[in-house]
Structure formats: C-alpha cells, structure tokens
Amino acid sequence: MLQRFKDRKEAGRLLAMRLQTLAARDDVVVLALPRGGVPVAHEVAAALRAPLDVMVVRKLGAPYDEELAVGALGPTGLRVLNHALLEDLAVPPRALDQIVAQEQRELERRERLYRHGRPALDLRGKIVLLVDDGIATGATMRVAVATAREAGARRIVVVAPVMAREAYFVLRPKADEVCTLQIPKEFRAVGEFYADFAQESDAHVVELLSEPAGRTAS
C-alpha cells in the first residue's frame, strides 16, 4: 500500500525510529544530500543525537532532459557515469564535459554557501548515514557512497523514506546497509509520496545546518 508522508520532517522522524540502535554513539555521523535531504537528515540527526553535515553531490542531466541522470558528481571530483545511457543517447564527450563543468560550478557554490567556511566532518572510522528525501535512479547516492568510502568511512548506511526498486538493487551491494520505509512496485517521482513536497530553498538549508540538530562532532 502506498505510504504518503506529510512532509520531509515526518519522513525523517519515521526513519529515525528505524535507526534507534545507532542513537547516542560517538562513531555515527549524518550526511544530508541537499537540498531535499537536509530536513529529513535534520530529524534523523536530532533523534540519534548525531552530528549533521552535508554531502554536496550533483546530478549530471542529459543534454536535452536535465531530469534524466546520465551520472553524478561528488565534492572531491569523483564521478559516477551511466556509460550505457550515454551511449544510447549518443552524448558527445564535449557535451558531457560542459555538463560536468556547469555542475562543478554549482557544487562549489553550494559548498561555500552551506558550509560558511566550516570543514567537512572527518569520516575516517565512522558509521556514515547518507540521507535523501527519496531515491529515483540512485545516481547521486552512488557517488555519495563512493565519496564516503574514499574518505575512510567504516560503515555506510543509505537512508531514504522511499526508493525505486531499481535504485535499491543498484545501491544495496555498494552500501553496507540500506534503510528505507518503502520500495513501491511502481515509481514515477519522489514527490508523489509526499503531501507537501515544496522545493527547499538554500536559505532553509543553511538555517537547518546552523541549528544544533544532534551534537557537535568530536
């Protein structure tokens, strides 16, 4: 049966109930994929009393359809590409380079805005919860997992209220654990699982990240 969440905050609180075994541990950090993942992660971090940060990743959209992900870009320059889709769409290398350059600029803008000069949390030896408001293709989450792994995370948990079946099967072998509330048989868009799916603003993201959602990382 289709479960609709009131909003991202409610989805975050429901996820936190599933993750209570990780509460109040010194080795747990919560990383949100902005923008939509931030209010979800904020609730998770508050409930688990864990530090909250962002993992800024960018989807690489197809040249004539930005919503169609041909890959994703991570904060350290790490890329995940769907080579089969790129070949099917006949995307020339030069066009892909332009898309990457554009998304790199936006990624850097968001890093500066959201962090205000704060360094990223040290993930070495940590249990890292990567949180989004929903996962359709899994492209951005794949690069988030790879980035966290590269940064030395000891255990990676992908966390989302809802995800497409195909995305689950892509992410399950790459992460150490996947925590979700539903994997529907039919999946068209993340927004259909929310009563309120208003776009998050940069200002609200900055506000949530500045609040003491959980605890300060040691």
Protein backbone atom coordinates (compact mmCIF):
# COMPACT_ATOMS: atom_id res chain seq x y z
CA MET A 1 0.00 0.00 0.00
CA LEU A 2 1.30 3.45 -0.95
CA GLN A 3 2.50 5.42 2.07
CA ARG A 4 2.42 9.19 1.72
CA PHE A 5 4.38 11.32 4.14
CA LYS A 6 3.01 14.61 5.40
CA ASP A 7 6.33 16.29 4.68
CA ARG A 8 10.08 15.71 4.88
CA LYS A 9 10.14 16.25 8.64
CA GLU A 10 7.65 13.45 9.22
CA ALA A 11 9.60 11.16 6.91
CA GLY A 12 12.77 11.92 8.87
CA ARG A 13 11.13 11.13 12.20
CA LEU A 14 9.83 7.80 10.88
CA LEU A 15 13.27 6.87 9.57
CA ALA A 16 14.85 7.79 12.89
CA MET A 17 12.63 5.21 14.62
CA ARG A 18 14.17 2.55 12.38
CA LEU A 19 17.68 3.69 13.27
CA GLN A 20 17.42 3.88 17.05
CA THR A 21 20.11 1.24 17.56
CA LEU A 22 22.58 3.88 16.35
CA ALA A 23 21.46 6.56 18.82
CA ALA A 24 23.96 8.40 21.03
CA ARG A 25 27.04 6.71 19.56
CA ASP A 26 30.28 8.63 19.15
CA ASP A 27 31.05 6.98 15.83
CA VAL A 28 27.88 7.97 13.92
CA VAL A 29 27.57 10.98 11.60
CA VAL A 30 24.62 12.03 9.44
CA LEU A 31 25.23 13.49 5.99
CA ALA A 32 22.38 15.03 4.01
CA LEU A 33 22.16 15.24 0.24
CA PRO A 34 20.90 18.78 -0.38
CA ARG A 35 18.56 20.27 -0.80
CA GLY A 36 15.68 17.87 -0.14
CA GLY A 37 17.63 15.52 2.07
CA VAL A 38 18.52 18.18 4.63
CA PRO A 39 15.18 18.42 6.53
CA VAL A 40 14.95 14.62 6.55
CA ALA A 41 18.51 14.28 7.85
CA HIS A 42 17.95 17.04 10.40
CA GLU A 43 15.23 14.95 12.06
CA VAL A 44 17.38 11.82 11.95
CA ALA A 45 20.38 13.60 13.47
CA ALA A 46 18.26 15.15 16.22
CA ALA A 47 16.72 11.80 17.18
CA LEU A 48 20.04 9.94 17.13
CA ARG A 49 21.95 12.81 18.79
CA ALA A 50 24.49 12.67 15.99
CA PRO A 51 26.38 15.46 14.18
CA LEU A 52 24.84 16.69 10.93
CA ASP A 53 26.65 17.78 7.77
CA VAL A 54 26.03 17.86 4.03
CA MET A 55 27.35 15.72 1.22
CA VAL A 56 27.03 18.05 -1.76
CA VAL A 57 26.60 15.99 -4.91
CA ARG A 58 25.21 16.97 -8.30
CA LYS A 59 23.25 15.01 -10.84
CA LEU A 60 24.60 15.13 -14.37
CA GLY A 61 21.49 15.58 -16.50
CA ALA A 62 21.21 14.58 -20.16
CA PRO A 63 21.72 17.44 -22.66
CA TYR A 64 18.04 17.63 -23.68
CA ASP A 65 16.49 16.32 -20.49
CA GLU A 66 18.07 17.59 -17.27
CA GLU A 67 15.89 15.28 -15.17
CA LEU A 68 17.37 12.20 -16.85
CA ALA A 69 20.55 11.36 -14.96
CA VAL A 70 23.50 10.21 -17.05
CA GLY A 71 25.70 10.29 -13.96
CA ALA A 72 26.60 12.29 -10.87
CA LEU A 73 29.46 14.35 -9.49
CA GLY A 74 30.82 14.31 -5.95
CA PRO A 75 32.53 17.03 -3.86
CA THR A 76 36.01 15.59 -4.37
CA GLY A 77 35.60 15.41 -8.14
CA LEU A 78 34.59 11.76 -8.10
CA ARG A 79 32.22 10.88 -10.95
CA VAL A 80 29.76 8.08 -11.50
CA LEU A 81 28.61 7.73 -15.12
CA ASN A 82 25.94 5.64 -16.77
CA HIS A 83 28.01 4.66 -19.80
CA ALA A 84 25.23 2.60 -21.38
CA LEU A 85 22.82 5.54 -21.25
CA LEU A 86 25.44 7.96 -22.54
CA GLU A 87 26.00 5.64 -25.48
CA ASP A 88 22.27 5.18 -26.12
CA LEU A 89 21.76 8.96 -26.11
CA ALA A 90 24.87 9.49 -28.23
CA VAL A 91 26.13 12.21 -25.87
CA PRO A 92 29.42 13.51 -27.31
CA PRO A 93 32.37 13.84 -24.89
CA ARG A 94 32.46 17.62 -25.35
CA ALA A 95 28.81 17.94 -24.31
CA LEU A 96 29.45 15.78 -21.25
CA ASP A 97 32.45 17.94 -20.32
CA GLN A 98 30.24 21.04 -20.49
CA ILE A 99 27.62 19.43 -18.25
CA VAL A 100 30.30 18.40 -15.73
CA ALA A 101 31.82 21.91 -15.71
CA GLN A 102 28.42 23.51 -15.14
CA GLU A 103 27.54 21.17 -12.28
CA GLN A 104 31.01 21.56 -10.76
CA ARG A 105 30.41 25.32 -10.52
CA GLU A 106 27.05 24.79 -8.85
CA LEU A 107 28.53 22.20 -6.47
CA GLU A 108 31.26 24.63 -5.42
CA ARG A 109 28.69 27.43 -4.94
CA ARG A 110 26.63 25.24 -2.63
CA GLU A 111 29.69 24.08 -0.70
CA ARG A 112 30.62 27.71 0.01
CA LEU A 113 27.05 28.70 0.89
CA TYR A 114 26.15 25.76 3.10
CA ARG A 115 29.44 25.41 4.95
CA HIS A 116 30.32 29.06 5.61
CA GLY A 117 33.96 28.02 5.80
CA ARG A 118 33.33 25.03 8.08
CA PRO A 119 35.42 21.99 7.17
CA ALA A 120 33.67 18.77 6.24
CA LEU A 121 33.31 16.22 9.01
CA ASP A 122 36.07 13.64 9.30
CA LEU A 123 34.55 10.34 8.16
CA ARG A 124 37.51 8.10 8.97
CA GLY A 125 36.35 5.12 11.02
CA LYS A 126 32.78 6.42 11.24
CA ILE A 127 29.36 4.94 10.60
CA VAL A 128 28.02 7.34 7.96
CA LEU A 129 24.31 7.75 7.31
CA LEU A 130 23.73 9.21 3.84
CA VAL A 131 20.24 10.70 3.81
CA ASP A 132 18.00 11.88 0.98
CA ASP A 133 14.25 12.56 0.70
CA GLY A 134 13.81 9.82 -1.91
CA ILE A 135 15.84 7.94 -4.49
CA ALA A 136 14.71 7.56 -8.10
CA THR A 137 17.74 6.46 -10.13
CA GLY A 138 20.36 6.24 -7.39
CA ALA A 139 22.93 8.21 -9.40
CA THR A 140 23.64 10.91 -6.81
CA MET A 141 23.55 8.43 -3.94
CA ARG A 142 26.03 6.18 -5.75
CA VAL A 143 28.58 8.98 -5.92
CA ALA A 144 27.84 9.90 -2.29
CA VAL A 145 28.57 6.31 -1.22
CA ALA A 146 31.78 6.24 -3.25
CA THR A 147 32.89 9.59 -1.80
CA ALA A 148 32.22 8.46 1.78
CA ARG A 149 34.07 5.22 1.13
CA GLU A 150 37.03 7.14 -0.30
CA ALA A 151 37.01 9.36 2.82
CA GLY A 152 37.51 6.34 5.07
CA ALA A 153 34.01 5.62 6.37
CA ARG A 154 33.92 2.32 8.25
CA ARG A 155 30.26 1.60 7.52
CA ILE A 156 27.87 3.32 5.12
CA VAL A 157 24.10 3.29 5.51
CA VAL A 158 21.93 4.68 2.71
CA VAL A 159 18.83 6.24 4.25
CA ALA A 160 15.72 7.41 2.36
CA PRO A 161 11.96 7.28 3.05
CA VAL A 162 11.25 5.82 -0.37
CA MET A 163 13.27 4.49 -3.28
CA ALA A 164 12.67 2.93 -6.64
CA ARG A 165 13.14 -0.83 -6.81
CA GLU A 166 15.85 -0.49 -9.46
CA ALA A 167 17.75 2.01 -7.32
CA TYR A 168 17.58 -0.31 -4.31
CA PHE A 169 19.18 -3.15 -6.24
CA VAL A 170 21.90 -0.79 -7.54
CA LEU A 171 22.71 0.64 -4.11
CA ARG A 172 22.36 -2.44 -1.91
CA PRO A 173 25.69 -4.04 -2.92
CA LYS A 174 27.53 -0.71 -2.80
CA ALA A 175 26.46 0.36 0.69
CA ASP A 176 26.79 -1.70 3.86
CA GLU A 177 23.10 -1.24 4.62
CA VAL A 178 20.03 0.39 3.09
CA CYS A 179 17.32 1.80 5.36
CA THR A 180 14.05 2.73 3.67
CA LEU A 181 10.37 2.77 4.58
CA GLN A 182 9.06 1.59 1.24
CA ILE A 183 10.12 0.26 -2.13
CA PRO A 184 6.98 0.58 -4.28
CA LYS A 185 6.34 -1.60 -7.30
CA GLU A 186 5.58 1.50 -9.36
CA PHE A 187 7.75 4.59 -9.00
CA ARG A 188 7.35 7.71 -11.13
CA ALA A 189 8.65 10.55 -8.97
CA VAL A 190 9.69 11.12 -5.35
CA GLY A 191 7.12 13.90 -4.94
CA GLU A 192 4.16 11.56 -5.33
CA PHE A 193 4.99 10.07 -1.91
CA TYR A 194 4.62 13.41 -0.09
CA ALA A 195 1.57 15.54 0.66
CA ASP A 196 3.91 18.56 0.92
CA PHE A 197 6.89 18.38 -1.41
CA ALA A 198 7.68 22.08 -1.70
CA GLN A 199 11.15 22.82 -3.04
CA GLU A 200 13.68 23.53 -0.33
CA SER A 201 15.45 26.87 -0.51
CA ASP A 202 19.15 27.48 0.05
CA ALA A 203 18.18 29.75 2.95
CA HIS A 204 16.25 26.96 4.71
CA VAL A 205 19.11 24.52 4.16
CA VAL A 206 21.58 26.98 5.72
CA GLU A 207 19.18 27.55 8.64
CA LEU A 208 18.80 23.83 9.36
CA LEU A 209 22.53 23.20 9.12
CA SER A 210 23.24 26.01 11.57
CA GLU A 211 20.91 24.53 14.19
CA PRO A 212 22.26 22.02 16.70
CA ALA A 213 20.29 19.10 15.26
CA GLY A 214 22.22 16.45 17.12
CA ARG A 215 25.56 17.00 18.79
CA THR A 216 28.84 18.52 17.75
CA ALA A 217 31.34 16.11 16.24
CA SER A 218 34.31 15.39 18.49
